[in-house]
């Protein structure tokens, strides 16, 4: 998939705890929000608000979860961590890119998941960590 910055470009969501503003760029090469927190090879986005909510709720760090509306500045591809192997057909509409994402706005008033759902997801992620399962970064 290719998305270029035009008035009709596909908008995506990015969930995090980072405090950013319109015009800022999110890019690869920075510490990941997840896993071992090594420098990320890709920046990750989704076209669904629910997946972005998970990103905001599960992101490492302090402060409130935030969801940004972002536009891709280059090509995006299916995120192999959430597509085909786990969820055939990419129902979460999750993608990754090596190019920066430009923040165009922030989603206000989003509804988070129930605390029990969050704890279940965190326990699942902890089990993956215990098993040594890392994100696909190739």
N, C-alpha and C. Protein backbone atom coordinates (compact mmCIF):
# COMPACT_ATOMS: atom_id res chain seq x y z
N UNK A 1 0.86 -1.17 0.00
CA UNK A 1 0.00 0.00 0.00
C UNK A 1 0.90 1.23 0.00
N UNK A 2 0.57 2.20 -0.78
CA UNK A 2 1.30 3.45 -0.79
C UNK A 2 0.34 4.58 -0.45
N UNK A 3 0.75 5.41 0.47
CA UNK A 3 -0.05 6.58 0.83
C UNK A 3 0.85 7.80 0.73
N UNK A 4 0.41 8.78 -0.02
CA UNK A 4 1.19 10.00 -0.12
C UNK A 4 0.43 11.13 0.55
N UNK A 5 1.15 12.14 0.96
CA UNK A 5 0.54 13.26 1.67
C UNK A 5 -0.22 14.15 0.71
N UNK A 6 -1.51 13.90 0.59
CA UNK A 6 -2.42 14.72 -0.21
C UNK A 6 -3.66 14.97 0.64
N UNK A 7 -4.54 15.85 0.23
CA UNK A 7 -5.76 16.05 1.01
C UNK A 7 -6.60 14.78 1.12
N UNK A 8 -6.34 13.79 0.26
CA UNK A 8 -7.13 12.57 0.25
C UNK A 8 -6.33 11.35 0.72
N UNK A 9 -5.22 11.56 1.39
CA UNK A 9 -4.38 10.46 1.87
C UNK A 9 -5.11 9.69 2.96
N UNK A 10 -4.82 8.40 3.05
CA UNK A 10 -5.35 7.56 4.13
C UNK A 10 -4.82 8.07 5.47
N UNK A 11 -5.70 8.33 6.39
CA UNK A 11 -5.28 8.70 7.74
C UNK A 11 -5.18 7.42 8.57
N UNK A 12 -4.24 7.40 9.47
CA UNK A 12 -4.03 6.28 10.36
C UNK A 12 -4.01 6.79 11.80
N UNK A 13 -4.08 5.85 12.74
CA UNK A 13 -3.98 6.16 14.16
C UNK A 13 -2.70 5.56 14.72
N UNK A 14 -2.14 6.23 15.74
CA UNK A 14 -0.97 5.74 16.45
C UNK A 14 -1.20 5.95 17.93
N UNK A 15 -1.23 4.84 18.71
CA UNK A 15 -1.42 4.92 20.15
C UNK A 15 -0.08 4.90 20.87
N UNK A 16 0.09 5.78 21.86
CA UNK A 16 1.36 5.91 22.59
C UNK A 16 1.11 6.64 23.90
N UNK A 17 2.16 6.92 24.63
CA UNK A 17 2.08 7.78 25.82
C UNK A 17 2.88 9.07 25.59
N UNK A 18 3.53 9.18 24.46
CA UNK A 18 4.35 10.35 24.16
C UNK A 18 3.47 11.58 23.96
N UNK A 19 3.90 12.70 24.51
CA UNK A 19 3.21 13.96 24.32
C UNK A 19 3.73 14.65 23.06
N UNK A 20 2.94 14.66 22.01
CA UNK A 20 3.36 15.22 20.73
C UNK A 20 2.34 16.24 20.26
N UNK A 21 2.67 16.92 19.16
CA UNK A 21 1.75 17.94 18.64
C UNK A 21 1.67 17.85 17.11
N UNK A 22 0.64 18.43 16.53
CA UNK A 22 0.52 18.40 15.07
C UNK A 22 1.80 18.91 14.40
N UNK A 23 2.20 18.19 13.37
CA UNK A 23 3.42 18.52 12.64
C UNK A 23 4.62 17.70 13.08
N UNK A 24 4.59 17.19 14.33
CA UNK A 24 5.68 16.32 14.79
C UNK A 24 5.71 15.05 13.97
N UNK A 25 6.89 14.44 13.91
CA UNK A 25 7.06 13.18 13.18
C UNK A 25 7.32 12.04 14.14
N UNK A 26 6.72 10.90 13.85
CA UNK A 26 6.99 9.65 14.55
C UNK A 26 7.74 8.79 13.55
N UNK A 27 8.91 8.32 13.94
CA UNK A 27 9.70 7.56 12.99
C UNK A 27 10.40 6.38 13.60
N UNK A 28 10.95 5.55 12.76
CA UNK A 28 11.76 4.41 13.18
C UNK A 28 13.06 4.94 13.79
N UNK A 29 13.74 4.07 14.53
CA UNK A 29 15.02 4.43 15.11
C UNK A 29 14.95 4.88 16.55
N UNK A 30 13.75 5.08 17.07
CA UNK A 30 13.57 5.48 18.46
C UNK A 30 13.21 4.27 19.30
N UNK A 31 13.30 4.40 20.61
CA UNK A 31 12.97 3.31 21.51
C UNK A 31 11.52 2.91 21.31
N UNK A 32 11.30 1.61 21.17
CA UNK A 32 9.97 1.07 20.98
C UNK A 32 9.12 1.24 22.22
N UNK A 33 7.81 1.35 22.05
CA UNK A 33 6.87 1.40 23.16
C UNK A 33 6.67 0.03 23.80
N UNK A 34 7.17 -1.03 23.17
CA UNK A 34 6.83 -2.39 23.58
C UNK A 34 8.06 -3.28 23.63
N UNK A 35 7.88 -4.47 24.22
CA UNK A 35 8.92 -5.49 24.22
C UNK A 35 10.17 -5.05 24.97
N UNK A 36 11.32 -5.37 24.39
CA UNK A 36 12.60 -5.09 25.05
C UNK A 36 13.00 -3.62 24.93
N UNK A 37 12.17 -2.82 24.28
CA UNK A 37 12.37 -1.38 24.16
C UNK A 37 13.61 -1.01 23.35
N UNK A 38 14.04 -1.90 22.45
CA UNK A 38 15.17 -1.57 21.59
C UNK A 38 14.71 -0.58 20.51
N UNK A 39 15.66 -0.05 19.78
CA UNK A 39 15.32 0.90 18.72
C UNK A 39 14.44 0.21 17.68
N UNK A 40 13.33 0.81 17.37
CA UNK A 40 12.37 0.23 16.43
C UNK A 40 12.85 0.42 14.99
N UNK A 41 12.69 -0.61 14.20
CA UNK A 41 13.04 -0.56 12.78
C UNK A 41 11.89 0.08 11.99
N UNK A 42 10.68 -0.03 12.51
CA UNK A 42 9.49 0.49 11.84
C UNK A 42 8.70 1.37 12.80
N UNK A 43 7.85 2.22 12.24
CA UNK A 43 6.81 2.92 12.99
C UNK A 43 5.50 2.19 12.66
N UNK A 44 4.66 2.01 13.65
CA UNK A 44 3.44 1.21 13.50
C UNK A 44 2.20 2.08 13.56
N UNK A 45 1.22 1.73 12.73
CA UNK A 45 -0.04 2.46 12.67
C UNK A 45 -1.18 1.47 12.48
N UNK A 46 -2.38 1.96 12.68
CA UNK A 46 -3.57 1.17 12.43
C UNK A 46 -4.63 2.08 11.80
N UNK A 47 -5.54 1.45 11.09
CA UNK A 47 -6.66 2.20 10.52
C UNK A 47 -7.92 2.03 11.38
N UNK A 48 -7.79 1.37 12.55
CA UNK A 48 -8.94 1.22 13.46
C UNK A 48 -8.65 1.89 14.79
N UNK A 49 -9.65 2.52 15.33
CA UNK A 49 -9.50 3.19 16.61
C UNK A 49 -9.25 2.18 17.73
N UNK A 50 -9.91 1.02 17.68
CA UNK A 50 -9.74 0.02 18.74
C UNK A 50 -8.29 -0.43 18.86
N UNK A 51 -7.62 -0.70 17.75
CA UNK A 51 -6.22 -1.11 17.80
C UNK A 51 -5.35 0.02 18.35
N UNK A 52 -5.67 1.26 18.02
CA UNK A 52 -4.91 2.40 18.56
C UNK A 52 -5.13 2.54 20.06
N UNK A 53 -6.33 2.25 20.53
CA UNK A 53 -6.61 2.28 21.96
C UNK A 53 -5.71 1.28 22.67
N UNK A 54 -5.59 0.06 22.12
CA UNK A 54 -4.68 -0.93 22.71
C UNK A 54 -3.25 -0.39 22.74
N UNK A 55 -2.82 0.24 21.67
CA UNK A 55 -1.47 0.81 21.64
C UNK A 55 -1.26 1.83 22.74
N UNK A 56 -2.23 2.69 22.94
CA UNK A 56 -2.13 3.73 23.97
C UNK A 56 -2.15 3.13 25.37
N UNK A 57 -2.99 2.11 25.56
CA UNK A 57 -3.13 1.51 26.89
C UNK A 57 -1.91 0.66 27.27
N UNK A 58 -1.28 0.03 26.29
CA UNK A 58 -0.20 -0.90 26.58
C UNK A 58 1.19 -0.29 26.41
N UNK A 59 1.27 0.93 25.92
CA UNK A 59 2.57 1.57 25.69
C UNK A 59 3.32 1.74 27.01
N UNK A 60 4.62 1.56 26.95
CA UNK A 60 5.48 1.76 28.12
C UNK A 60 5.55 3.24 28.45
N UNK A 61 5.93 3.53 29.67
CA UNK A 61 6.14 4.92 30.06
C UNK A 61 5.08 5.43 30.99
N UNK A 62 5.28 6.67 31.38
CA UNK A 62 4.37 7.34 32.31
C UNK A 62 3.44 8.25 31.52
N UNK A 63 2.45 8.74 32.20
CA UNK A 63 1.53 9.69 31.58
C UNK A 63 0.36 9.00 30.93
N UNK A 64 -0.57 9.79 30.48
CA UNK A 64 -1.79 9.23 29.89
C UNK A 64 -1.53 8.64 28.51
N UNK A 65 -2.34 7.65 28.17
CA UNK A 65 -2.31 7.14 26.80
C UNK A 65 -2.86 8.19 25.86
N UNK A 66 -2.29 8.27 24.69
CA UNK A 66 -2.72 9.25 23.69
C UNK A 66 -2.89 8.53 22.36
N UNK A 67 -3.82 9.03 21.58
CA UNK A 67 -4.03 8.50 20.23
C UNK A 67 -3.93 9.66 19.26
N UNK A 68 -3.01 9.52 18.32
CA UNK A 68 -2.79 10.54 17.31
C UNK A 68 -3.33 10.09 15.97
N UNK A 69 -3.87 11.03 15.23
CA UNK A 69 -4.18 10.81 13.82
C UNK A 69 -2.92 11.18 13.07
N UNK A 70 -2.43 10.26 12.24
CA UNK A 70 -1.18 10.47 11.53
C UNK A 70 -1.37 10.17 10.05
N UNK A 71 -0.48 10.76 9.25
CA UNK A 71 -0.47 10.42 7.83
C UNK A 71 0.91 9.87 7.50
N UNK A 72 0.90 8.88 6.64
CA UNK A 72 2.16 8.27 6.21
C UNK A 72 2.86 9.20 5.22
N UNK A 73 4.18 9.26 5.33
CA UNK A 73 4.96 10.06 4.37
C UNK A 73 5.61 9.17 3.32
N UNK A 74 5.36 7.88 3.40
CA UNK A 74 5.91 6.92 2.45
C UNK A 74 5.06 5.66 2.47
N UNK A 75 5.56 4.61 1.85
CA UNK A 75 4.77 3.36 1.77
C UNK A 75 4.57 2.71 3.13
N UNK A 76 3.42 2.06 3.29
CA UNK A 76 3.13 1.25 4.46
C UNK A 76 2.86 -0.17 4.01
N UNK A 77 3.10 -1.13 4.91
CA UNK A 77 2.87 -2.54 4.61
C UNK A 77 2.14 -3.18 5.78
N UNK A 78 1.48 -4.32 5.53
CA UNK A 78 0.84 -5.05 6.61
C UNK A 78 1.86 -5.34 7.72
N UNK A 79 1.42 -5.24 8.96
CA UNK A 79 2.28 -5.56 10.11
C UNK A 79 2.26 -7.07 10.31
N UNK A 80 3.36 -7.76 10.04
CA UNK A 80 3.35 -9.22 10.15
C UNK A 80 3.18 -9.72 11.58
N UNK A 81 3.33 -8.85 12.58
CA UNK A 81 3.10 -9.26 13.96
C UNK A 81 1.62 -9.51 14.24
N UNK A 82 0.75 -8.88 13.49
CA UNK A 82 -0.69 -8.99 13.73
C UNK A 82 -1.47 -9.49 12.53
N UNK A 83 -0.82 -9.76 11.43
CA UNK A 83 -1.55 -10.16 10.24
C UNK A 83 -1.08 -11.52 9.75
N UNK A 84 -1.94 -12.18 9.04
CA UNK A 84 -1.70 -13.45 8.38
C UNK A 84 -1.31 -14.58 9.33
N UNK A 85 -0.25 -14.43 10.14
CA UNK A 85 0.08 -15.51 11.07
C UNK A 85 -0.93 -15.61 12.20
N UNK A 86 -1.39 -14.48 12.71
CA UNK A 86 -2.30 -14.48 13.86
C UNK A 86 -3.74 -14.16 13.46
N UNK A 87 -3.91 -13.21 12.59
CA UNK A 87 -5.24 -12.75 12.21
C UNK A 87 -5.33 -12.64 10.70
N UNK A 88 -5.57 -13.74 10.00
CA UNK A 88 -5.61 -13.71 8.52
C UNK A 88 -6.53 -12.63 7.98
N UNK A 89 -6.03 -11.93 6.97
CA UNK A 89 -6.81 -10.88 6.33
C UNK A 89 -6.65 -9.51 6.94
N UNK A 90 -5.85 -9.39 7.99
CA UNK A 90 -5.57 -8.11 8.64
C UNK A 90 -6.84 -7.41 9.14
N UNK A 91 -7.66 -8.07 9.98
CA UNK A 91 -8.87 -7.41 10.49
C UNK A 91 -8.58 -6.21 11.39
N UNK A 92 -7.38 -6.18 12.02
CA UNK A 92 -7.04 -5.02 12.85
C UNK A 92 -6.55 -3.85 12.02
N UNK A 93 -6.37 -4.11 10.73
CA UNK A 93 -5.88 -3.08 9.80
C UNK A 93 -4.63 -2.42 10.37
N UNK A 94 -3.66 -3.27 10.75
CA UNK A 94 -2.40 -2.84 11.35
C UNK A 94 -1.29 -2.83 10.31
N UNK A 95 -0.50 -1.77 10.33
CA UNK A 95 0.52 -1.56 9.31
C UNK A 95 1.82 -1.08 9.94
N UNK A 96 2.87 -1.10 9.14
CA UNK A 96 4.16 -0.56 9.58
C UNK A 96 4.81 0.16 8.41
N UNK A 97 5.75 1.05 8.73
CA UNK A 97 6.46 1.80 7.71
C UNK A 97 7.86 2.15 8.22
N UNK A 98 8.78 2.28 7.29
CA UNK A 98 10.13 2.75 7.65
C UNK A 98 10.21 4.28 7.55
N UNK A 99 9.20 4.89 6.95
CA UNK A 99 9.18 6.34 6.76
C UNK A 99 8.43 7.01 7.91
N UNK A 100 8.73 8.27 8.17
CA UNK A 100 8.06 8.96 9.28
C UNK A 100 6.56 9.09 9.08
N UNK A 101 5.88 9.20 10.20
CA UNK A 101 4.45 9.48 10.24
C UNK A 101 4.29 10.90 10.75
N UNK A 102 3.48 11.69 10.07
CA UNK A 102 3.26 13.08 10.47
C UNK A 102 1.96 13.16 11.28
N UNK A 103 2.05 13.76 12.46
CA UNK A 103 0.87 13.93 13.29
C UNK A 103 0.02 15.06 12.72
N UNK A 104 -1.26 14.75 12.50
CA UNK A 104 -2.18 15.77 11.99
C UNK A 104 -3.24 16.14 13.03
N UNK A 105 -3.33 15.38 14.11
CA UNK A 105 -4.29 15.69 15.16
C UNK A 105 -4.26 14.66 16.26
N UNK A 106 -5.03 14.90 17.31
CA UNK A 106 -5.13 13.96 18.42
C UNK A 106 -6.60 13.62 18.65
N UNK A 107 -6.87 12.36 18.94
CA UNK A 107 -8.22 11.90 19.24
C UNK A 107 -8.51 12.21 20.71
N UNK A 108 -9.54 12.98 20.95
CA UNK A 108 -9.93 13.33 22.32
C UNK A 108 -11.16 12.51 22.72
N UNK A 109 -11.24 12.18 23.99
CA UNK A 109 -12.45 11.53 24.52
C UNK A 109 -12.61 10.08 24.11
N UNK A 110 -11.53 9.38 23.77
CA UNK A 110 -11.67 7.98 23.39
C UNK A 110 -11.94 7.13 24.62
N UNK A 111 -12.62 6.01 24.39
CA UNK A 111 -13.01 5.09 25.47
C UNK A 111 -12.02 3.94 25.54
N UNK A 112 -11.45 3.72 26.71
CA UNK A 112 -10.51 2.63 26.91
C UNK A 112 -11.22 1.30 27.16
N UNK A 113 -10.43 0.23 27.19
CA UNK A 113 -10.94 -1.09 27.47
C UNK A 113 -11.17 -1.26 28.97
N UNK A 114 -11.96 -2.25 29.34
CA UNK A 114 -12.22 -2.54 30.75
C UNK A 114 -10.91 -2.98 31.42
N UNK A 115 -10.72 -2.63 32.70
CA UNK A 115 -9.50 -3.01 33.40
C UNK A 115 -9.18 -4.51 33.32
N UNK A 116 -10.20 -5.35 33.39
CA UNK A 116 -9.96 -6.80 33.31
C UNK A 116 -9.40 -7.20 31.93
N UNK A 117 -9.89 -6.56 30.87
CA UNK A 117 -9.37 -6.84 29.53
C UNK A 117 -7.91 -6.42 29.43
N UNK A 118 -7.58 -5.28 29.98
CA UNK A 118 -6.20 -4.78 29.93
C UNK A 118 -5.28 -5.73 30.69
N UNK A 119 -5.70 -6.17 31.88
CA UNK A 119 -4.87 -7.09 32.66
C UNK A 119 -4.68 -8.41 31.94
N UNK A 120 -5.72 -8.91 31.27
CA UNK A 120 -5.61 -10.15 30.50
C UNK A 120 -4.59 -9.98 29.37
N UNK A 121 -4.66 -8.85 28.67
CA UNK A 121 -3.72 -8.59 27.57
C UNK A 121 -2.30 -8.46 28.11
N UNK A 122 -2.12 -7.75 29.22
CA UNK A 122 -0.79 -7.60 29.80
C UNK A 122 -0.22 -8.96 30.23
N UNK A 123 -1.06 -9.83 30.77
CA UNK A 123 -0.61 -11.17 31.15
C UNK A 123 -0.18 -11.96 29.92
N UNK A 124 -0.93 -11.83 28.84
CA UNK A 124 -0.56 -12.51 27.58
C UNK A 124 0.78 -11.98 27.06
N UNK A 125 0.97 -10.67 27.08
CA UNK A 125 2.23 -10.09 26.62
C UNK A 125 3.40 -10.51 27.52
N UNK A 126 3.15 -10.61 28.82
CA UNK A 126 4.19 -11.07 29.74
C UNK A 126 4.58 -12.51 29.44
N UNK A 127 3.60 -13.33 29.09
CA UNK A 127 3.90 -14.72 28.73
C UNK A 127 4.72 -14.79 27.45
N UNK A 128 4.39 -13.98 26.46
CA UNK A 128 5.20 -13.93 25.24
C UNK A 128 6.63 -13.50 25.56
N UNK A 129 6.78 -12.53 26.45
CA UNK A 129 8.10 -12.08 26.85
C UNK A 129 8.87 -13.20 27.55
N UNK A 130 8.18 -13.93 28.43
CA UNK A 130 8.80 -15.05 29.14
C UNK A 130 9.27 -16.12 28.16
N UNK A 131 8.52 -16.30 27.07
CA UNK A 131 8.88 -17.29 26.05
C UNK A 131 9.92 -16.77 25.07
N UNK A 132 10.27 -15.50 25.19
CA UNK A 132 11.26 -14.92 24.29
C UNK A 132 10.74 -14.54 22.92
N UNK A 133 9.43 -14.37 22.81
CA UNK A 133 8.81 -14.00 21.53
C UNK A 133 8.94 -12.48 21.36
N UNK A 134 9.59 -12.06 20.31
CA UNK A 134 9.79 -10.64 20.02
C UNK A 134 9.05 -10.27 18.73
N UNK A 135 8.85 -9.00 18.54
CA UNK A 135 8.20 -8.51 17.32
C UNK A 135 9.04 -8.85 16.10
N UNK A 136 8.37 -9.08 15.00
CA UNK A 136 9.05 -9.34 13.73
C UNK A 136 9.53 -8.00 13.20
N UNK A 137 10.83 -7.88 13.00
CA UNK A 137 11.40 -6.60 12.57
C UNK A 137 12.18 -6.70 11.26
N UNK A 138 12.00 -7.77 10.50
CA UNK A 138 12.77 -7.92 9.26
C UNK A 138 12.11 -7.27 8.08
